[in-house]
Protein backbone atom coordinates (compact mmCIF):
# COMPACT_ATOMS: atom_id res chain seq x y z
CA MET A 1 -59.86 -21.08 -39.05
CA VAL A 2 -57.05 -19.57 -36.98
CA GLY A 3 -57.55 -15.95 -36.04
CA ARG A 4 -55.42 -13.20 -34.67
CA THR A 5 -54.21 -13.26 -31.09
CA THR A 6 -53.43 -10.56 -28.62
CA ASP A 7 -51.00 -10.85 -25.72
CA VAL A 8 -52.26 -9.65 -22.36
CA ALA A 9 -49.78 -9.50 -19.49
CA ILE A 10 -51.40 -11.01 -16.40
CA SER A 11 -48.31 -10.40 -14.26
CA PRO A 12 -44.67 -9.48 -14.98
CA ARG A 13 -43.69 -13.14 -15.22
CA LEU A 14 -46.89 -14.77 -16.43
CA SER A 15 -48.01 -13.94 -19.96
CA PHE A 16 -49.55 -16.50 -22.26
CA ARG A 17 -50.34 -16.78 -26.01
CA ARG A 18 -52.41 -19.58 -27.37
CA ILE A 19 -55.09 -20.22 -29.99
CA CYS A 20 -58.06 -22.51 -29.73
CA SER A 21 -60.43 -22.55 -32.68
CA LEU A 22 -64.20 -22.60 -33.07
CA HIS A 23 -66.37 -23.05 -36.10
CA ASP A 24 -66.69 -19.31 -36.65
CA TRP A 25 -65.08 -17.63 -33.65
CA ASN A 26 -61.56 -16.47 -32.86
CA CYS A 27 -60.76 -17.54 -29.33
CA THR A 28 -57.74 -16.26 -27.42
CA PRO A 29 -57.28 -17.73 -23.93
CA PHE A 30 -55.10 -16.14 -21.27
CA CYS A 31 -54.01 -18.19 -18.25
CA PRO A 32 -53.17 -16.38 -14.98
CA TYR A 33 -51.67 -19.54 -13.47
CA PRO A 34 -48.76 -21.66 -14.71
CA PRO A 35 -50.02 -24.83 -16.46
CA LEU A 36 -48.80 -27.16 -13.72
CA GLU A 37 -51.19 -29.74 -12.32
CA ARG A 38 -50.30 -29.06 -8.69
CA TYR A 39 -51.83 -25.60 -9.03
CA TYR A 40 -55.14 -27.13 -10.14
CA GLU A 41 -55.73 -29.18 -7.01
CA GLY A 42 -58.43 -27.72 -4.79
CA LYS A 43 -59.11 -24.81 -7.13
CA LEU A 44 -62.35 -24.03 -8.96
CA LYS A 45 -61.95 -24.50 -12.70
CA THR A 46 -63.26 -21.30 -14.27
CA ALA A 47 -63.48 -20.05 -17.85
CA VAL A 48 -63.94 -16.26 -17.91
CA VAL A 49 -65.33 -15.45 -21.36
CA GLN A 50 -65.59 -11.95 -22.83
CA CYS A 51 -68.18 -11.69 -25.59
CA SER A 52 -70.87 -9.26 -26.67
CA ALA A 53 -74.15 -9.27 -24.77
CA ALA A 54 -75.93 -10.35 -27.96
CA ASP A 55 -73.83 -13.53 -28.14
CA VAL A 56 -74.08 -14.65 -24.50
CA ASN A 57 -77.16 -16.85 -24.97
CA ARG A 58 -75.76 -18.37 -28.17
CA LEU A 59 -72.49 -19.17 -26.40
CA ILE A 60 -74.27 -20.78 -23.45
CA ASP A 61 -76.58 -22.82 -25.71
CA GLY A 62 -73.58 -24.03 -27.70
CA VAL A 63 -71.65 -25.18 -24.62
CA LEU A 64 -74.65 -26.92 -23.07
CA GLY A 65 -75.55 -28.54 -26.37
CA ARG A 66 -72.08 -29.96 -26.94
CA MET A 67 -71.49 -31.10 -23.34
CA ASN A 68 -74.96 -32.44 -22.61
CA ARG A 69 -73.69 -35.99 -22.04
CA GLU A 70 -70.53 -35.04 -20.18
CA ILE A 71 -71.94 -33.05 -17.28
CA GLY A 72 -74.50 -33.76 -14.61
CA GLU A 73 -76.46 -30.81 -13.29
CA HIS A 74 -76.08 -27.37 -14.84
CA VAL A 75 -77.26 -24.09 -13.36
CA VAL A 76 -77.48 -20.76 -15.17
CA VAL A 77 -77.19 -17.60 -13.04
CA LYS A 78 -79.22 -14.92 -14.80
CA SER A 79 -78.45 -11.23 -15.04
CA GLY A 80 -79.31 -9.39 -11.83
CA GLN A 81 -79.78 -12.50 -9.67
CA ALA A 82 -79.26 -11.72 -6.00
CA ASP A 83 -80.06 -14.84 -3.94
CA ILE A 84 -77.11 -17.21 -3.51
CA ASN A 85 -79.36 -19.82 -1.89
CA ASP A 86 -81.17 -20.36 -5.21
CA VAL A 87 -77.88 -21.48 -6.74
CA VAL A 88 -76.48 -23.38 -3.77
CA SER A 89 -79.64 -25.42 -3.25
CA LYS A 90 -79.42 -26.84 -6.79
CA PHE A 91 -75.94 -28.26 -6.18
CA GLU A 92 -76.40 -29.50 -2.61
CA GLY A 93 -77.66 -32.92 -3.63
CA CYS A 94 -75.03 -33.51 -6.30
CA SER A 95 -72.42 -36.19 -5.77
CA GLY A 96 -70.41 -38.72 -7.72
CA LYS A 97 -67.78 -38.41 -10.42
CA ARG A 98 -69.74 -36.42 -13.00
CA LYS A 99 -68.81 -32.76 -13.24
CA GLN A 100 -71.43 -30.07 -12.68
CA LEU A 101 -71.54 -26.84 -14.69
CA LEU A 102 -72.31 -23.39 -13.31
CA VAL A 103 -72.93 -20.74 -15.97
CA ILE A 104 -72.89 -17.07 -14.94
CA GLU A 105 -74.68 -15.20 -17.71
CA GLN A 106 -73.46 -11.60 -17.23
CA ALA A 107 -71.07 -11.23 -14.32
CA GLU A 108 -71.02 -7.44 -14.50
CA SER A 109 -74.70 -7.36 -13.51
CA LEU A 110 -74.01 -9.17 -10.22
CA SER A 111 -72.88 -7.54 -7.00
CA THR A 112 -69.44 -8.06 -5.50
CA GLN A 113 -71.06 -9.57 -2.41
CA PHE A 114 -72.97 -12.10 -4.52
CA LEU A 115 -69.91 -13.15 -6.55
CA ASN A 116 -67.65 -13.54 -3.51
CA GLY A 117 -70.32 -15.42 -1.56
CA LEU A 118 -71.03 -17.73 -4.47
CA PHE A 119 -67.38 -18.66 -5.08
CA TYR A 120 -66.77 -19.14 -1.34
CA SER A 121 -69.72 -21.59 -1.24
CA LEU A 122 -68.79 -23.78 -4.21
CA PRO A 123 -65.81 -25.65 -2.63
CA SER A 124 -68.09 -26.95 0.14
CA PHE A 125 -70.05 -29.16 -2.27
CA ARG A 126 -69.37 -32.88 -2.55
CA CYS A 127 -69.25 -32.62 -6.34
CA ASP A 128 -66.84 -30.87 -8.70
CA VAL A 129 -68.24 -27.69 -10.24
CA ILE A 130 -66.85 -26.11 -13.41
CA VAL A 131 -67.66 -22.42 -13.87
CA LEU A 132 -68.35 -20.68 -17.19
CA LEU A 133 -68.43 -16.95 -16.43
CA CYS A 134 -69.47 -14.54 -19.20
CA VAL A 135 -68.68 -10.82 -19.25
CA SER A 136 -69.69 -8.30 -21.89
CA THR A 137 -67.43 -5.44 -20.78
CA LYS A 138 -63.69 -5.18 -20.09
CA GLN A 139 -61.62 -8.28 -19.44
CA ASN A 140 -60.51 -7.09 -16.01
CA MET A 141 -64.07 -6.53 -14.82
CA PHE A 142 -64.21 -9.87 -13.03
CA THR A 143 -60.84 -9.60 -11.29
CA SER A 144 -61.68 -6.09 -10.08
CA ARG A 145 -65.05 -7.17 -8.65
CA VAL A 146 -64.02 -10.06 -6.44
CA SER A 147 -61.64 -10.35 -3.50
CA ARG A 148 -58.05 -11.59 -3.66
CA ARG A 149 -59.06 -14.55 -1.55
CA CYS A 150 -61.66 -15.44 -4.15
CA LEU A 151 -59.16 -15.13 -7.01
CA ALA A 152 -56.68 -17.32 -5.13
CA SER A 153 -59.29 -20.09 -5.01
CA LEU A 154 -59.68 -20.23 -8.80
CA HIS A 155 -57.84 -21.89 -11.64
CA ALA A 156 -59.09 -19.46 -14.28
CA ARG A 157 -58.50 -18.87 -17.96
CA ARG A 158 -59.79 -15.81 -19.75
CA PHE A 159 -61.13 -16.10 -23.27
CA LEU A 160 -61.81 -13.33 -25.79
CA PHE A 161 -64.25 -14.03 -28.62
CA SER A 162 -64.41 -12.04 -31.85
CA LEU A 163 -65.35 -12.69 -35.44
CA SER A 164 -62.61 -12.42 -38.04
CA PRO A 165 -63.43 -10.21 -41.09
CA GLU A 166 -63.53 -13.27 -43.35
CA VAL A 167 -65.95 -15.13 -41.11
CA PHE A 168 -68.09 -12.00 -40.64
CA TYR A 169 -68.39 -11.56 -44.42
CA SER A 170 -69.23 -15.24 -44.86
CA LEU A 171 -71.83 -15.05 -42.11
CA VAL A 172 -73.50 -11.95 -43.55
CA THR A 173 -73.56 -13.51 -47.02
CA SER A 174 -75.11 -16.69 -45.68
CA VAL A 175 -77.79 -14.76 -43.82
CA LEU A 176 -78.63 -12.62 -46.86
CA PHE A 177 -79.01 -15.61 -49.16
CA ASN A 178 -80.58 -17.86 -46.55
CA PRO A 179 -82.63 -15.97 -43.94
CA SER A 180 -83.21 -19.15 -41.96
CA PHE A 181 -79.45 -19.62 -41.40
CA THR A 182 -78.94 -19.68 -37.64
CA ASP A 183 -76.54 -22.60 -37.25
CA LEU A 184 -73.54 -21.25 -35.34
CA ARG A 185 -72.76 -24.40 -33.38
CA LEU A 186 -69.51 -24.38 -31.47
CA GLN A 187 -66.93 -26.97 -32.41
CA ALA A 188 -64.62 -28.81 -30.07
CA GLY A 189 -61.88 -26.17 -29.88
CA PHE A 190 -63.58 -23.94 -27.32
CA LEU A 191 -64.76 -26.87 -25.22
CA ARG A 192 -61.21 -28.22 -24.93
CA PHE A 193 -60.55 -26.18 -21.79
CA ILE A 194 -63.67 -27.36 -19.97
CA ARG A 195 -63.08 -30.96 -20.99
CA LEU A 196 -59.44 -30.71 -19.91
CA VAL A 197 -60.23 -29.50 -16.41
CA SER A 198 -63.08 -32.00 -16.06
CA SER A 199 -60.58 -34.83 -16.52
CA LEU A 200 -58.22 -33.66 -13.76
């Protein structure tokens, strides 16, 4: 199902409209960097995802479930976490060609110092780390919380998730007639970005 899109101007020259589809989500990605491979080199591949707090765990479970065989280690940074060493220590021993996945559950709950320190540390690892960063508030929350140096080190795309009215009605109907209905598995559309950057 293709949903509605919204244009968001990232800079005067760089605005981007594109649809990627999920089983029951509308997904609108916005790219702050031109899609040229030379800009990817040496940058942290980051998907900044805006979704409601109630859907964060479902989103994370869907991504991990679909990419279980494609990634090595994965680390989930929980809301309110304050010790960078807990995260860094889990990636220190990683090496090889398999990509590692860092999931930040609710970025708005983390301090600016923690976010900057974490992103400064990631390039020092011997393995490639892909970042899935979830926010439940405004889209610009992340860019306003970290330094310009940090932003310059990222190849980031911002995604906005929302249910279309048709899907919402279908979902409610399914739940009413089948209380055990909880299958909201993500299809390949959303994972295209992560798989794309993992192949670079």
